[in-house]
Amino acid sequence: MDKINLCEIGKRIQLRRKQKGLTQEQIAEAMNVSIQMVSNLERGNKAIRIDNLVSISKILDISTDYILTGKETLRDIDLLMSQISQLSDKDRGMVEVIVEYCLHNK
């Protein structure tokens, strides 16, 4: 089994928080923890407790698997597909172009 890297977990939490347009303060308030605790998680200074893992995954709308391992689950992919399906035809076309670009420029 791969060793869990706290810094990588923190980076995934921070990235998703920023994608959602949330501040550390908003996350801390929603979790009923201190801003310092959220900051420590994002910097990889502290391991995340199970109850906080579940809480932050709900707030950020990502799976605990993704937070811990960086691997998306079917739920994560379904959510992304749902979000893409809500885009206009023009915006969906832009997503397709970006995906094609990424696939061909690995």
N, C-alpha and C. Protein backbone atom coordinates (compact mmCIF):
# COMPACT_ATOMS: atom_id res chain seq x y z
N MET A 1 0.84 -1.18 0.00
CA MET A 1 0.00 0.00 0.00
C MET A 1 0.88 1.24 0.00
N ASP A 2 0.48 2.24 -0.80
CA ASP A 2 1.25 3.47 -0.88
C ASP A 2 1.21 4.23 0.44
N LYS A 3 2.32 4.86 0.76
CA LYS A 3 2.39 5.69 1.97
C LYS A 3 1.57 6.96 1.73
N ILE A 4 0.77 7.33 2.71
CA ILE A 4 -0.03 8.54 2.60
C ILE A 4 0.86 9.74 2.84
N ASN A 5 0.85 10.68 1.91
CA ASN A 5 1.68 11.87 1.97
C ASN A 5 0.81 13.05 2.41
N LEU A 6 1.06 13.57 3.61
CA LEU A 6 0.24 14.65 4.15
C LEU A 6 0.32 15.92 3.31
N CYS A 7 1.47 16.20 2.74
CA CYS A 7 1.60 17.40 1.89
C CYS A 7 0.74 17.27 0.64
N GLU A 8 0.71 16.08 0.05
CA GLU A 8 -0.12 15.87 -1.14
C GLU A 8 -1.60 15.97 -0.79
N ILE A 9 -1.98 15.43 0.35
CA ILE A 9 -3.37 15.56 0.81
C ILE A 9 -3.72 17.04 0.96
N GLY A 10 -2.84 17.78 1.59
CA GLY A 10 -3.05 19.21 1.79
C GLY A 10 -3.18 19.97 0.48
N LYS A 11 -2.35 19.62 -0.50
CA LYS A 11 -2.43 20.28 -1.80
C LYS A 11 -3.77 20.02 -2.48
N ARG A 12 -4.26 18.77 -2.36
CA ARG A 12 -5.55 18.44 -2.97
C ARG A 12 -6.69 19.21 -2.28
N ILE A 13 -6.62 19.32 -0.97
CA ILE A 13 -7.64 20.07 -0.23
C ILE A 13 -7.60 21.54 -0.64
N GLN A 14 -6.40 22.11 -0.67
CA GLN A 14 -6.27 23.52 -1.02
C GLN A 14 -6.73 23.79 -2.45
N LEU A 15 -6.34 22.94 -3.38
CA LEU A 15 -6.74 23.12 -4.78
C LEU A 15 -8.26 23.10 -4.91
N ARG A 16 -8.89 22.11 -4.29
CA ARG A 16 -10.34 22.00 -4.40
C ARG A 16 -11.04 23.17 -3.70
N ARG A 17 -10.50 23.61 -2.56
CA ARG A 17 -11.06 24.77 -1.87
C ARG A 17 -11.04 25.98 -2.78
N LYS A 18 -9.92 26.20 -3.44
CA LYS A 18 -9.79 27.34 -4.35
C LYS A 18 -10.70 27.19 -5.57
N GLN A 19 -10.82 25.96 -6.08
CA GLN A 19 -11.73 25.72 -7.20
C GLN A 19 -13.17 26.08 -6.84
N LYS A 20 -13.52 25.82 -5.60
CA LYS A 20 -14.88 26.12 -5.13
C LYS A 20 -15.03 27.59 -4.71
N GLY A 21 -13.93 28.35 -4.74
CA GLY A 21 -13.99 29.76 -4.38
C GLY A 21 -14.20 30.01 -2.90
N LEU A 22 -13.70 29.09 -2.08
CA LEU A 22 -13.88 29.20 -0.63
C LEU A 22 -12.57 29.62 0.04
N THR A 23 -12.71 30.32 1.16
CA THR A 23 -11.54 30.70 1.95
C THR A 23 -11.31 29.66 3.04
N GLN A 24 -10.12 29.69 3.62
CA GLN A 24 -9.85 28.82 4.76
C GLN A 24 -10.82 29.13 5.89
N GLU A 25 -11.15 30.39 6.06
CA GLU A 25 -12.07 30.78 7.12
C GLU A 25 -13.45 30.15 6.90
N GLN A 26 -13.93 30.15 5.66
CA GLN A 26 -15.23 29.55 5.37
C GLN A 26 -15.22 28.04 5.63
N ILE A 27 -14.13 27.40 5.26
CA ILE A 27 -14.00 25.95 5.50
C ILE A 27 -13.98 25.69 7.01
N ALA A 28 -13.18 26.46 7.72
CA ALA A 28 -13.07 26.29 9.18
C ALA A 28 -14.43 26.47 9.85
N GLU A 29 -15.16 27.49 9.43
CA GLU A 29 -16.48 27.75 10.01
C GLU A 29 -17.43 26.59 9.73
N ALA A 30 -17.43 26.11 8.49
CA ALA A 30 -18.32 25.01 8.12
C ALA A 30 -17.98 23.72 8.87
N MET A 31 -16.69 23.54 9.17
CA MET A 31 -16.23 22.34 9.88
C MET A 31 -16.28 22.50 11.39
N ASN A 32 -16.48 23.76 11.84
CA ASN A 32 -16.46 24.07 13.27
C ASN A 32 -15.08 23.78 13.88
N VAL A 33 -14.05 24.24 13.15
CA VAL A 33 -12.66 24.12 13.61
C VAL A 33 -11.98 25.48 13.43
N SER A 34 -10.74 25.58 13.86
CA SER A 34 -10.01 26.85 13.72
C SER A 34 -9.45 26.99 12.31
N ILE A 35 -9.22 28.23 11.92
CA ILE A 35 -8.57 28.50 10.64
C ILE A 35 -7.18 27.88 10.64
N GLN A 36 -6.51 27.93 11.79
CA GLN A 36 -5.18 27.35 11.92
C GLN A 36 -5.19 25.86 11.59
N MET A 37 -6.24 25.16 12.01
CA MET A 37 -6.34 23.73 11.72
C MET A 37 -6.44 23.50 10.21
N VAL A 38 -7.25 24.29 9.54
CA VAL A 38 -7.39 24.17 8.08
C VAL A 38 -6.05 24.48 7.41
N SER A 39 -5.40 25.52 7.89
CA SER A 39 -4.09 25.89 7.35
C SER A 39 -3.08 24.76 7.53
N ASN A 40 -3.06 24.16 8.71
CA ASN A 40 -2.15 23.04 8.98
C ASN A 40 -2.45 21.85 8.07
N LEU A 41 -3.73 21.58 7.82
CA LEU A 41 -4.08 20.49 6.90
C LEU A 41 -3.55 20.78 5.50
N GLU A 42 -3.78 21.99 5.02
CA GLU A 42 -3.37 22.35 3.67
C GLU A 42 -1.85 22.34 3.50
N ARG A 43 -1.13 22.63 4.55
CA ARG A 43 0.34 22.62 4.48
C ARG A 43 0.92 21.24 4.76
N GLY A 44 0.07 20.30 5.14
CA GLY A 44 0.55 18.95 5.44
C GLY A 44 1.22 18.84 6.78
N ASN A 45 0.94 19.79 7.67
CA ASN A 45 1.56 19.78 9.00
C ASN A 45 0.87 18.84 9.98
N LYS A 46 -0.37 18.51 9.69
CA LYS A 46 -1.14 17.65 10.61
C LYS A 46 -1.90 16.61 9.81
N ALA A 47 -2.03 15.44 10.39
CA ALA A 47 -2.86 14.40 9.79
C ALA A 47 -4.32 14.77 10.03
N ILE A 48 -5.17 14.37 9.11
CA ILE A 48 -6.59 14.70 9.23
C ILE A 48 -7.32 13.59 9.98
N ARG A 49 -8.14 13.99 10.93
CA ARG A 49 -8.96 13.01 11.66
C ARG A 49 -10.07 12.53 10.75
N ILE A 50 -10.55 11.34 11.01
CA ILE A 50 -11.58 10.75 10.16
C ILE A 50 -12.83 11.61 10.11
N ASP A 51 -13.28 12.12 11.25
CA ASP A 51 -14.49 12.95 11.23
C ASP A 51 -14.28 14.23 10.43
N ASN A 52 -13.09 14.81 10.49
CA ASN A 52 -12.79 16.00 9.69
C ASN A 52 -12.65 15.66 8.21
N LEU A 53 -12.13 14.49 7.90
CA LEU A 53 -12.02 14.04 6.52
C LEU A 53 -13.40 13.94 5.89
N VAL A 54 -14.32 13.33 6.59
CA VAL A 54 -15.69 13.18 6.09
C VAL A 54 -16.33 14.55 5.92
N SER A 55 -16.14 15.41 6.91
CA SER A 55 -16.73 16.75 6.87
C SER A 55 -16.20 17.57 5.70
N ILE A 56 -14.88 17.59 5.53
CA ILE A 56 -14.30 18.42 4.46
C ILE A 56 -14.63 17.85 3.08
N SER A 57 -14.77 16.53 2.98
CA SER A 57 -15.13 15.95 1.68
C SER A 57 -16.54 16.38 1.28
N LYS A 58 -17.44 16.48 2.25
CA LYS A 58 -18.80 16.95 1.97
C LYS A 58 -18.80 18.42 1.59
N ILE A 59 -18.06 19.22 2.33
CA ILE A 59 -18.00 20.66 2.07
C ILE A 59 -17.41 20.94 0.69
N LEU A 60 -16.34 20.21 0.34
CA LEU A 60 -15.67 20.42 -0.94
C LEU A 60 -16.28 19.61 -2.07
N ASP A 61 -17.22 18.75 -1.74
CA ASP A 61 -17.92 17.91 -2.71
C ASP A 61 -16.95 17.05 -3.53
N ILE A 62 -16.04 16.39 -2.80
CA ILE A 62 -15.12 15.42 -3.40
C ILE A 62 -15.07 14.19 -2.50
N SER A 63 -14.63 13.10 -3.05
CA SER A 63 -14.59 11.86 -2.26
C SER A 63 -13.41 11.85 -1.29
N THR A 64 -13.58 11.10 -0.24
CA THR A 64 -12.47 10.92 0.70
C THR A 64 -11.32 10.17 0.01
N ASP A 65 -11.65 9.28 -0.92
CA ASP A 65 -10.62 8.59 -1.69
C ASP A 65 -9.73 9.59 -2.42
N TYR A 66 -10.36 10.58 -3.06
CA TYR A 66 -9.57 11.55 -3.79
C TYR A 66 -8.69 12.37 -2.84
N ILE A 67 -9.23 12.78 -1.73
CA ILE A 67 -8.43 13.55 -0.76
C ILE A 67 -7.22 12.74 -0.32
N LEU A 68 -7.43 11.48 0.01
CA LEU A 68 -6.34 10.65 0.55
C LEU A 68 -5.37 10.14 -0.51
N THR A 69 -5.87 9.77 -1.68
CA THR A 69 -5.02 9.11 -2.66
C THR A 69 -4.81 9.88 -3.96
N GLY A 70 -5.67 10.84 -4.21
CA GLY A 70 -5.58 11.58 -5.47
C GLY A 70 -6.25 10.85 -6.62
N LYS A 71 -6.91 9.73 -6.34
CA LYS A 71 -7.57 8.95 -7.39
C LYS A 71 -9.08 9.23 -7.34
N GLU A 72 -9.61 9.61 -8.51
CA GLU A 72 -11.04 9.89 -8.58
C GLU A 72 -11.84 8.60 -8.49
N THR A 73 -13.03 8.72 -7.94
CA THR A 73 -13.96 7.61 -7.89
C THR A 73 -15.03 7.83 -8.96
N LEU A 74 -15.88 6.85 -9.17
CA LEU A 74 -16.98 7.02 -10.11
C LEU A 74 -17.87 8.20 -9.69
N ARG A 75 -18.02 8.41 -8.39
CA ARG A 75 -18.81 9.54 -7.90
C ARG A 75 -18.20 10.86 -8.36
N ASP A 76 -16.89 10.98 -8.26
CA ASP A 76 -16.21 12.20 -8.70
C ASP A 76 -16.42 12.43 -10.19
N ILE A 77 -16.29 11.36 -10.96
CA ILE A 77 -16.45 11.47 -12.41
C ILE A 77 -17.89 11.79 -12.77
N ASP A 78 -18.84 11.17 -12.07
CA ASP A 78 -20.26 11.47 -12.31
C ASP A 78 -20.57 12.93 -12.01
N LEU A 79 -20.00 13.46 -10.94
CA LEU A 79 -20.22 14.86 -10.60
C LEU A 79 -19.67 15.76 -11.70
N LEU A 80 -18.48 15.47 -12.17
CA LEU A 80 -17.88 16.26 -13.24
C LEU A 80 -18.74 16.19 -14.50
N MET A 81 -19.20 15.00 -14.84
CA MET A 81 -20.06 14.85 -16.02
C MET A 81 -21.35 15.65 -15.86
N SER A 82 -21.91 15.64 -14.67
CA SER A 82 -23.13 16.40 -14.40
C SER A 82 -22.88 17.89 -14.59
N GLN A 83 -21.74 18.36 -14.11
CA GLN A 83 -21.41 19.77 -14.24
C GLN A 83 -21.20 20.14 -15.70
N ILE A 84 -20.51 19.30 -16.44
CA ILE A 84 -20.27 19.56 -17.87
C ILE A 84 -21.58 19.58 -18.63
N SER A 85 -22.51 18.69 -18.28
CA SER A 85 -23.79 18.62 -19.00
C SER A 85 -24.62 19.89 -18.79
N GLN A 86 -24.33 20.66 -17.76
CA GLN A 86 -25.07 21.89 -17.49
C GLN A 86 -24.53 23.09 -18.27
N LEU A 87 -23.39 22.90 -18.94
CA LEU A 87 -22.78 23.99 -19.69
C LEU A 87 -23.52 24.22 -21.00
N SER A 88 -23.35 25.42 -21.53
CA SER A 88 -23.90 25.71 -22.86
C SER A 88 -23.12 24.90 -23.90
N ASP A 89 -23.68 24.77 -25.08
CA ASP A 89 -22.99 24.04 -26.15
C ASP A 89 -21.62 24.64 -26.43
N LYS A 90 -21.53 25.94 -26.44
CA LYS A 90 -20.25 26.62 -26.69
C LYS A 90 -19.23 26.26 -25.61
N ASP A 91 -19.64 26.36 -24.34
CA ASP A 91 -18.72 26.06 -23.24
C ASP A 91 -18.33 24.58 -23.22
N ARG A 92 -19.29 23.71 -23.53
CA ARG A 92 -18.99 22.27 -23.59
C ARG A 92 -17.97 22.00 -24.70
N GLY A 93 -18.10 22.72 -25.80
CA GLY A 93 -17.12 22.60 -26.89
C GLY A 93 -15.73 23.02 -26.44
N MET A 94 -15.66 24.06 -25.60
CA MET A 94 -14.36 24.52 -25.09
C MET A 94 -13.75 23.44 -24.19
N VAL A 95 -14.58 22.79 -23.38
CA VAL A 95 -14.09 21.71 -22.52
C VAL A 95 -13.53 20.58 -23.38
N GLU A 96 -14.23 20.24 -24.44
CA GLU A 96 -13.77 19.18 -25.34
C GLU A 96 -12.41 19.52 -25.94
N VAL A 97 -12.23 20.78 -26.34
CA VAL A 97 -10.95 21.22 -26.91
C VAL A 97 -9.84 21.09 -25.88
N ILE A 98 -10.12 21.49 -24.65
CA ILE A 98 -9.12 21.41 -23.58
C ILE A 98 -8.75 19.95 -23.31
N VAL A 99 -9.74 19.08 -23.25
CA VAL A 99 -9.49 17.65 -23.02
C VAL A 99 -8.64 17.08 -24.15
N GLU A 100 -8.99 17.38 -25.37
CA GLU A 100 -8.20 16.91 -26.51
C GLU A 100 -6.77 17.40 -26.44
N TYR A 101 -6.59 18.66 -26.11
CA TYR A 101 -5.26 19.23 -25.98
C TYR A 101 -4.45 18.48 -24.92
N CYS A 102 -5.07 18.26 -23.77
CA CYS A 102 -4.38 17.58 -22.68
C CYS A 102 -4.02 16.14 -23.03
N LEU A 103 -4.91 15.46 -23.72
CA LEU A 103 -4.64 14.08 -24.11
C LEU A 103 -3.48 13.96 -25.10
N HIS A 104 -3.35 14.94 -25.95
CA HIS A 104 -2.30 14.88 -26.98
C HIS A 104 -1.00 15.54 -26.55
N ASN A 105 -0.96 16.13 -25.40
CA ASN A 105 0.25 16.82 -24.92
C ASN A 105 0.68 16.32 -23.56
N LYS A 106 0.64 15.00 -23.39
CA LYS A 106 1.04 14.40 -22.12
C LYS A 106 2.53 14.46 -21.94
